[in-house]
Amino acid sequence: MDYREAGVDVAAGRAFVENIRNMVQSTYRSEVLGALGGFSGCFELPSGYRQPVLVSGTDGVGTKLKLAHHLDRHETVGIDLVAMCVNDVLTCGAEPLYFLDYLATGKLNSDRLTQVVAGIAEGCRQAGCALLGGETAEMPGFYAPGEYDLAGFCVGIAEKSQLLDGSQVRVGDIAIGLASSGVHSNGFSLVRKIIETKGFAWDDRASLLGDRPLGEVLLTPTRIYVKPILELLRSELEVHGMAHITGGGLPENLPRCLGEGRSIRIDPNSWQVPPIFQWIAAEGEVSSADMFETFNMGIGFVVLVPPDEVDQAITALKSHEIAAWAIGEVIPGTGNLVGLASR
């Protein structure tokens, strides 16, 4: 017997690396050293930093992959993977430098996984970071036929004196909410439960969703906020804190960017909740509290700025074609979020 008879095709793995070589190299920054195919990736620190701090983050796509597998649509989940990592790293004021992925499957399907890596490369281009390397693991018998799993790891850089750690947040600061592109990559276990329990199909259409197939709406990739936020940070405007709104929604994630003795009062009527969340709440009979604690509800990222800079910040963000609203204010407190119960 040989490895191929055991279910692992080494030759196919080599061919797959060649298939993705050009798309990976299309993400390279000038600091990348060497080429694809080594045991490790090398990256030279950018110049101009006095006390550079490396900032890292890791994440996956979660059960949204089940939808990609079911629809056999794999070109967007790679963007989700990058977004979940780079948006996290961004919150302390760091610029994402490079990204690595881990892709595991039972049997390597080159066409399918090439689509996945194409999405990862596109996410890296949107974030301005290099796809420095990765690992493709073929593990027969470990995954169901046709399925795969994804994880990613991102490293960014920031000047130590400019790191956002909550101490910069002031009472009176205004929370600016940046629009999400949809459900992003959180809450899909609940979404799938609703679909299965209520007897919906992924290709069902609903007038509330503009007659688009449900699966297509839900596969919309997570928005990457790196370029507009970095531009904001490099402007003359002050940014006192930032939060990436992922699992746990606004109640769990927004307080994470606050310092001691601070809370945030949110006006839940200050933005329009996208139709997909209205559909989920109605069809799943999900309470408002559970919706806000599970989903981003249309706010994918939050920036805290002084009150006299709100209009300028919103104008700057809208120049990147991202809708933004003043959604709340920092108040004295114990690190919680108040106001959502009024929706």
Protein backbone atom coordinates (compact mmCIF):
# COMPACT_ATOMS: atom_id res chain seq x y z
CA MET A 1 0.00 0.00 0.00
CA ASP A 2 1.01 3.63 -0.36
CA TYR A 3 -0.13 7.04 0.91
CA ARG A 4 -2.42 7.59 -2.06
CA GLU A 5 -4.29 4.33 -1.36
CA ALA A 6 -4.72 5.58 2.20
CA GLY A 7 -6.49 8.66 0.83
CA VAL A 8 -3.73 11.30 0.67
CA ASP A 9 -2.60 12.44 -2.80
CA VAL A 10 0.77 14.15 -2.40
CA ALA A 11 1.04 14.90 -6.12
CA ALA A 12 -2.35 16.60 -6.11
CA GLY A 13 -1.18 18.70 -3.16
CA ARG A 14 1.85 19.89 -5.10
CA ALA A 15 -0.32 20.71 -8.10
CA PHE A 16 -2.69 22.66 -5.87
CA VAL A 17 0.18 24.83 -4.59
CA GLU A 18 1.13 25.62 -8.17
CA ASN A 19 -2.50 26.52 -8.96
CA ILE A 20 -2.60 29.13 -6.21
CA ARG A 21 0.95 30.50 -6.58
CA ASN A 22 0.06 33.56 -8.68
CA MET A 23 -2.93 34.59 -6.57
CA VAL A 24 -0.86 34.33 -3.38
CA GLN A 25 1.97 36.38 -4.86
CA SER A 26 -0.53 39.04 -5.98
CA THR A 27 -0.95 39.96 -2.28
CA TYR A 28 2.76 40.44 -1.51
CA ARG A 29 4.01 43.65 0.03
CA SER A 30 7.56 44.93 -0.37
CA GLU A 31 8.47 43.53 3.06
CA VAL A 32 7.89 39.90 2.03
CA LEU A 33 11.15 37.96 1.78
CA GLY A 34 11.52 34.79 -0.23
CA ALA A 35 8.91 32.94 -2.24
CA LEU A 36 6.02 30.55 -1.75
CA GLY A 37 6.96 26.98 -0.90
CA GLY A 38 9.36 27.23 2.01
CA PHE A 39 8.90 25.85 5.51
CA SER A 40 8.07 29.33 6.82
CA GLY A 41 7.26 32.82 5.61
CA CYS A 42 9.59 35.74 6.24
CA PHE A 43 8.52 39.35 6.61
CA GLU A 44 10.75 42.36 7.24
CA LEU A 45 9.40 44.94 9.70
CA PRO A 46 8.41 48.20 7.99
CA SER A 47 10.64 51.18 8.65
CA GLY A 48 9.61 54.36 10.46
CA TYR A 49 8.56 52.90 13.81
CA ARG A 50 10.28 54.00 17.02
CA GLN A 51 8.77 51.29 19.26
CA PRO A 52 6.98 48.83 16.98
CA VAL A 53 4.50 46.46 18.60
CA LEU A 54 3.36 43.33 16.78
CA VAL A 55 -0.37 42.66 17.16
CA SER A 56 -1.83 39.24 16.33
CA GLY A 57 -5.24 37.68 15.95
CA THR A 58 -6.71 34.35 14.87
CA ASP A 59 -10.21 33.19 13.94
CA GLY A 60 -12.28 31.00 11.64
CA VAL A 61 -15.49 31.22 9.62
CA GLY A 62 -17.64 28.97 11.82
CA THR A 63 -20.74 27.17 10.60
CA LYS A 64 -21.18 29.59 7.72
CA LEU A 65 -19.02 26.99 5.95
CA LYS A 66 -22.00 24.61 6.09
CA LEU A 67 -23.87 26.99 3.79
CA ALA A 68 -20.92 27.22 1.39
CA HIS A 69 -20.73 23.41 1.28
CA HIS A 70 -24.46 23.05 0.69
CA LEU A 71 -24.58 25.63 -2.12
CA ASP A 72 -21.18 24.60 -3.52
CA ARG A 73 -20.17 28.26 -3.45
CA HIS A 74 -16.65 28.75 -2.14
CA GLU A 75 -15.39 32.05 -3.55
CA THR A 76 -16.45 34.27 -0.62
CA VAL A 77 -15.69 32.37 2.61
CA GLY A 78 -11.99 33.16 2.21
CA ILE A 79 -12.87 36.85 2.44
CA ASP A 80 -14.79 36.08 5.64
CA LEU A 81 -11.74 34.34 7.06
CA VAL A 82 -9.44 37.30 6.46
CA ALA A 83 -12.03 39.81 7.63
CA MET A 84 -12.58 38.11 10.98
CA CYS A 85 -8.86 38.35 11.75
CA VAL A 86 -7.83 41.72 10.28
CA ASN A 87 -10.82 43.58 11.71
CA ASP A 88 -9.89 42.32 15.18
CA VAL A 89 -6.25 43.38 14.82
CA LEU A 90 -7.39 46.77 13.57
CA THR A 91 -9.26 47.64 16.78
CA CYS A 92 -6.10 48.57 18.71
CA GLY A 93 -4.88 50.77 15.87
CA ALA A 94 -2.63 48.23 14.15
CA GLU A 95 -2.05 47.90 10.42
CA PRO A 96 -2.37 44.27 9.26
CA LEU A 97 0.92 43.13 7.71
CA TYR A 98 0.51 39.49 6.79
CA PHE A 99 -1.90 36.58 6.98
CA LEU A 100 -1.58 32.79 7.11
CA ASP A 101 -4.36 30.26 6.57
CA TYR A 102 -4.98 26.66 7.61
CA LEU A 103 -7.23 24.67 5.28
CA ALA A 104 -8.18 21.11 6.22
CA THR A 105 -10.24 18.64 4.21
CA GLY A 106 -10.92 14.93 3.90
CA LYS A 107 -9.96 14.72 0.23
CA LEU A 108 -8.32 17.54 -1.69
CA ASN A 109 -10.61 18.99 -4.37
CA SER A 110 -8.31 21.35 -6.24
CA ASP A 111 -11.03 23.35 -8.03
CA ARG A 112 -13.04 23.92 -4.86
CA LEU A 113 -10.09 24.83 -2.67
CA THR A 114 -8.63 27.09 -5.34
CA GLN A 115 -11.86 29.11 -5.07
CA VAL A 116 -11.36 29.31 -1.31
CA VAL A 117 -7.77 30.54 -1.64
CA ALA A 118 -8.86 33.04 -4.30
CA GLY A 119 -11.22 34.48 -1.68
CA ILE A 120 -8.45 34.58 0.92
CA ALA A 121 -6.20 36.41 -1.55
CA GLU A 122 -8.98 38.88 -2.34
CA GLY A 123 -9.51 39.52 1.38
CA CYS A 124 -5.79 40.15 1.81
CA ARG A 125 -5.78 42.61 -1.08
CA GLN A 126 -8.75 44.44 0.46
CA ALA A 127 -6.88 44.61 3.78
CA GLY A 128 -3.52 45.51 2.23
CA CYS A 129 -1.77 42.56 3.89
CA ALA A 130 0.31 39.79 2.38
CA LEU A 131 -0.84 36.18 2.20
CA LEU A 132 2.49 35.00 3.55
CA GLY A 133 1.81 31.28 3.66
CA GLY A 134 -0.50 28.56 4.84
CA GLU A 135 -1.13 24.87 5.31
CA THR A 136 -3.40 22.52 3.40
CA ALA A 137 -4.08 19.32 5.32
CA GLU A 138 -5.66 16.29 3.65
CA MET A 139 -7.11 14.03 6.35
CA PRO A 140 -9.18 11.12 5.01
CA GLY A 141 -12.01 10.00 7.26
CA PHE A 142 -11.85 13.09 9.46
CA TYR A 143 -14.25 15.31 7.47
CA ALA A 144 -17.47 14.45 5.66
CA PRO A 145 -17.09 14.08 1.87
CA GLY A 146 -16.82 17.48 0.19
CA GLU A 147 -16.34 19.40 3.44
CA TYR A 148 -13.40 21.45 4.65
CA ASP A 149 -12.56 23.74 7.55
CA LEU A 150 -10.75 27.06 7.67
CA ALA A 151 -8.73 28.97 10.23
CA GLY A 152 -6.54 32.05 9.85
CA PHE A 153 -3.88 34.04 11.64
CA CYS A 154 -2.98 37.70 11.14
CA VAL A 155 -0.07 39.84 12.36
CA GLY A 156 -0.19 43.63 12.38
CA ILE A 157 1.99 46.46 13.62
CA ALA A 158 1.44 49.63 15.64
CA GLU A 159 3.50 52.31 17.32
CA LYS A 160 3.51 51.52 21.05
CA SER A 161 2.61 55.10 22.02
CA GLN A 162 -0.43 54.99 19.70
CA LEU A 163 -1.95 51.68 20.78
CA LEU A 164 -5.63 51.98 21.70
CA ASP A 165 -6.17 50.19 25.00
CA GLY A 166 -9.28 51.84 26.47
CA SER A 167 -7.42 54.48 28.47
CA GLN A 168 -8.01 57.07 25.74
CA VAL A 169 -11.82 56.82 25.93
CA ARG A 170 -13.53 59.85 27.51
CA VAL A 171 -17.02 60.44 28.86
CA GLY A 172 -18.89 62.25 26.10
CA ASP A 173 -17.13 60.43 23.24
CA ILE A 174 -19.52 59.49 20.44
CA ALA A 175 -19.83 55.95 19.07
CA ILE A 176 -19.95 55.90 15.27
CA GLY A 177 -21.36 52.68 13.85
CA LEU A 178 -20.13 51.48 10.46
CA ALA A 179 -22.56 49.46 8.39
CA SER A 180 -22.06 45.73 8.11
CA SER A 181 -22.54 43.94 4.80
CA GLY A 182 -25.03 41.57 6.39
CA VAL A 183 -24.79 38.71 8.88
CA HIS A 184 -20.99 38.53 8.43
CA SER A 185 -19.70 35.29 10.05
CA ASN A 186 -21.55 34.97 13.36
CA GLY A 187 -24.88 33.49 14.38
CA PHE A 188 -25.09 30.86 11.65
CA SER A 189 -25.89 28.06 14.07
CA LEU A 190 -29.11 29.90 14.91
CA VAL A 191 -29.75 30.76 11.24
CA ARG A 192 -29.38 27.10 10.24
CA LYS A 193 -31.67 26.01 13.09
CA ILE A 194 -34.38 28.39 11.86
CA ILE A 195 -34.00 27.20 8.25
CA GLU A 196 -34.20 23.53 9.25
CA THR A 197 -36.98 23.90 11.83
CA LYS A 198 -39.23 26.07 9.64
CA GLY A 199 -38.69 24.00 6.50
CA PHE A 200 -37.04 26.68 4.37
CA ALA A 201 -34.63 25.95 1.53
CA TRP A 202 -31.48 27.98 0.83
CA ASP A 203 -32.80 28.94 -2.61
CA ASP A 204 -36.12 30.23 -1.23
CA ARG A 205 -36.84 33.88 -2.01
CA ALA A 206 -38.52 36.45 0.21
CA SER A 207 -39.94 39.81 -0.79
CA LEU A 208 -38.32 41.32 2.32
CA LEU A 209 -34.93 40.37 0.82
CA GLY A 210 -35.64 41.84 -2.60
CA ASP A 211 -36.52 38.41 -3.98
CA ARG A 212 -32.86 37.31 -3.74
CA PRO A 213 -32.23 33.67 -2.79
CA LEU A 214 -31.82 33.30 0.95
CA GLY A 215 -28.50 31.48 0.62
CA GLU A 216 -27.05 34.18 -1.61
CA VAL A 217 -27.96 36.90 0.90
CA LEU A 218 -26.45 34.96 3.80
CA LEU A 219 -23.21 34.18 1.91
CA THR A 220 -22.44 37.90 1.49
CA PRO A 221 -18.85 38.17 2.78
CA THR A 222 -17.85 40.03 5.93
CA ARG A 223 -16.90 43.64 5.29
CA ILE A 224 -13.22 44.50 5.73
CA TYR A 225 -12.78 47.90 7.41
CA VAL A 226 -8.99 48.19 7.26
CA LYS A 227 -8.40 50.82 4.59
CA PRO A 228 -11.01 53.40 5.69
CA ILE A 229 -10.06 53.00 9.36
CA LEU A 230 -6.32 53.31 8.69
CA GLU A 231 -7.01 56.47 6.70
CA LEU A 232 -9.01 57.82 9.65
CA LEU A 233 -6.20 56.97 12.07
CA ARG A 234 -3.64 58.73 9.89
CA SER A 235 -5.74 61.89 9.59
CA GLU A 236 -5.80 64.78 12.05
CA LEU A 237 -8.93 63.40 13.70
CA GLU A 238 -8.78 61.70 17.09
CA VAL A 239 -9.86 58.07 17.50
CA HIS A 240 -10.21 57.01 21.16
CA GLY A 241 -11.43 53.45 20.74
CA MET A 242 -12.69 50.83 18.29
CA ALA A 243 -14.67 47.59 18.41
CA HIS A 244 -15.28 44.80 15.89
CA ILE A 245 -18.87 43.60 16.29
CA THR A 246 -18.75 39.80 16.05
CA GLY A 247 -20.26 36.98 18.14
CA GLY A 248 -22.15 38.45 21.08
CA GLY A 249 -23.15 41.52 19.06
CA LEU A 250 -22.99 45.06 20.38
CA PRO A 251 -23.66 44.12 24.05
CA GLU A 252 -20.57 41.92 24.30
CA ASN A 253 -18.12 43.60 21.92
CA LEU A 254 -18.62 47.32 22.29
CA PRO A 255 -17.76 47.45 26.04
CA ARG A 256 -14.45 45.68 25.28
CA CYS A 257 -12.93 48.93 23.97
CA LEU A 258 -13.75 50.94 27.15
CA GLY A 259 -11.47 51.86 30.01
CA GLU A 260 -12.26 51.89 33.73
CA GLY A 261 -15.42 53.69 34.83
CA ARG A 262 -16.96 53.90 31.35
CA SER A 263 -20.16 52.58 29.79
CA ILE A 264 -21.93 53.32 26.50
CA ARG A 265 -25.53 54.40 25.99
CA ILE A 266 -26.80 53.25 22.58
CA ASP A 267 -29.72 54.71 20.64
CA PRO A 268 -31.06 51.58 18.90
CA ASN A 269 -33.21 53.67 16.56
CA SER A 270 -30.28 55.62 15.11
CA TRP A 271 -29.71 53.21 12.21
CA GLN A 272 -31.84 51.03 9.96
CA VAL A 273 -31.56 47.32 10.73
CA PRO A 274 -31.02 45.46 7.41
CA PRO A 275 -33.85 43.26 6.08
CA ILE A 276 -32.01 39.97 6.64
CA PHE A 277 -32.12 40.51 10.40
CA GLN A 278 -35.78 41.44 10.24
CA TRP A 279 -36.41 38.19 8.37
CA ILE A 280 -34.46 36.11 10.92
CA ALA A 281 -36.30 37.72 13.85
CA ALA A 282 -39.73 37.23 12.27
CA GLU A 283 -39.32 33.68 10.93
CA GLY A 284 -37.42 32.42 13.96
CA GLU A 285 -39.55 34.33 16.48
CA VAL A 286 -36.31 35.57 18.03
CA SER A 287 -36.58 38.24 20.71
CA SER A 288 -34.96 41.63 20.23
CA ALA A 289 -32.57 40.93 23.11
CA ASP A 290 -31.45 37.62 21.58
CA MET A 291 -31.04 39.21 18.15
CA PHE A 292 -28.73 41.89 19.53
CA GLU A 293 -26.76 39.35 21.57
CA THR A 294 -26.27 37.04 18.57
CA PHE A 295 -25.92 39.23 15.46
CA ASN A 296 -24.28 42.52 14.49
CA MET A 297 -27.74 43.89 13.52
CA GLY A 298 -26.24 46.05 10.77
CA ILE A 299 -23.29 47.52 12.71
CA GLY A 300 -20.05 45.72 11.90
CA PHE A 301 -17.50 48.06 13.44
CA VAL A 302 -17.61 50.98 15.90
CA VAL A 303 -15.28 53.96 16.29
CA LEU A 304 -15.25 56.27 19.33
CA VAL A 305 -14.38 59.91 18.60
CA PRO A 306 -14.72 63.28 20.41
CA PRO A 307 -18.14 64.90 19.88
CA ASP A 308 -16.75 67.82 17.87
CA GLU A 309 -15.20 65.47 15.28
CA VAL A 310 -18.21 63.26 14.57
CA ASP A 311 -19.31 64.94 11.34
CA GLN A 312 -15.79 64.92 9.88
CA ALA A 313 -15.28 61.29 10.77
CA ILE A 314 -18.60 60.22 9.23
CA THR A 315 -17.83 62.18 6.06
CA ALA A 316 -14.42 60.48 5.82
CA LEU A 317 -15.96 57.04 6.25
CA LYS A 318 -18.71 57.70 3.72
CA SER A 319 -16.06 58.65 1.16
CA HIS A 320 -15.26 54.92 1.15
CA GLU A 321 -18.92 54.16 0.40
CA ILE A 322 -19.57 52.85 3.90
CA ALA A 323 -22.71 54.06 5.64
CA ALA A 324 -22.01 55.38 9.15
CA TRP A 325 -24.16 56.78 11.95
CA ALA A 326 -23.70 58.31 15.40
CA ILE A 327 -25.26 55.52 17.46
CA GLY A 328 -24.37 56.28 21.07
CA GLU A 329 -22.35 58.12 23.71
CA VAL A 330 -19.82 57.15 26.35
CA ILE A 331 -21.16 57.72 29.88
CA PRO A 332 -19.86 57.03 33.41
CA GLY A 333 -20.44 53.40 34.34
CA THR A 334 -19.07 49.97 34.97
CA GLY A 335 -18.24 48.81 31.45
CA ASN A 336 -21.69 47.86 30.19
CA LEU A 337 -23.94 48.84 27.31
CA VAL A 338 -27.33 50.43 27.98
CA GLY A 339 -30.28 51.44 25.84
CA LEU A 340 -30.94 48.48 23.56
CA ALA A 341 -34.03 47.44 25.52
CA SER A 342 -35.84 50.46 24.10
CA ARG A 343 -35.91 49.10 20.56
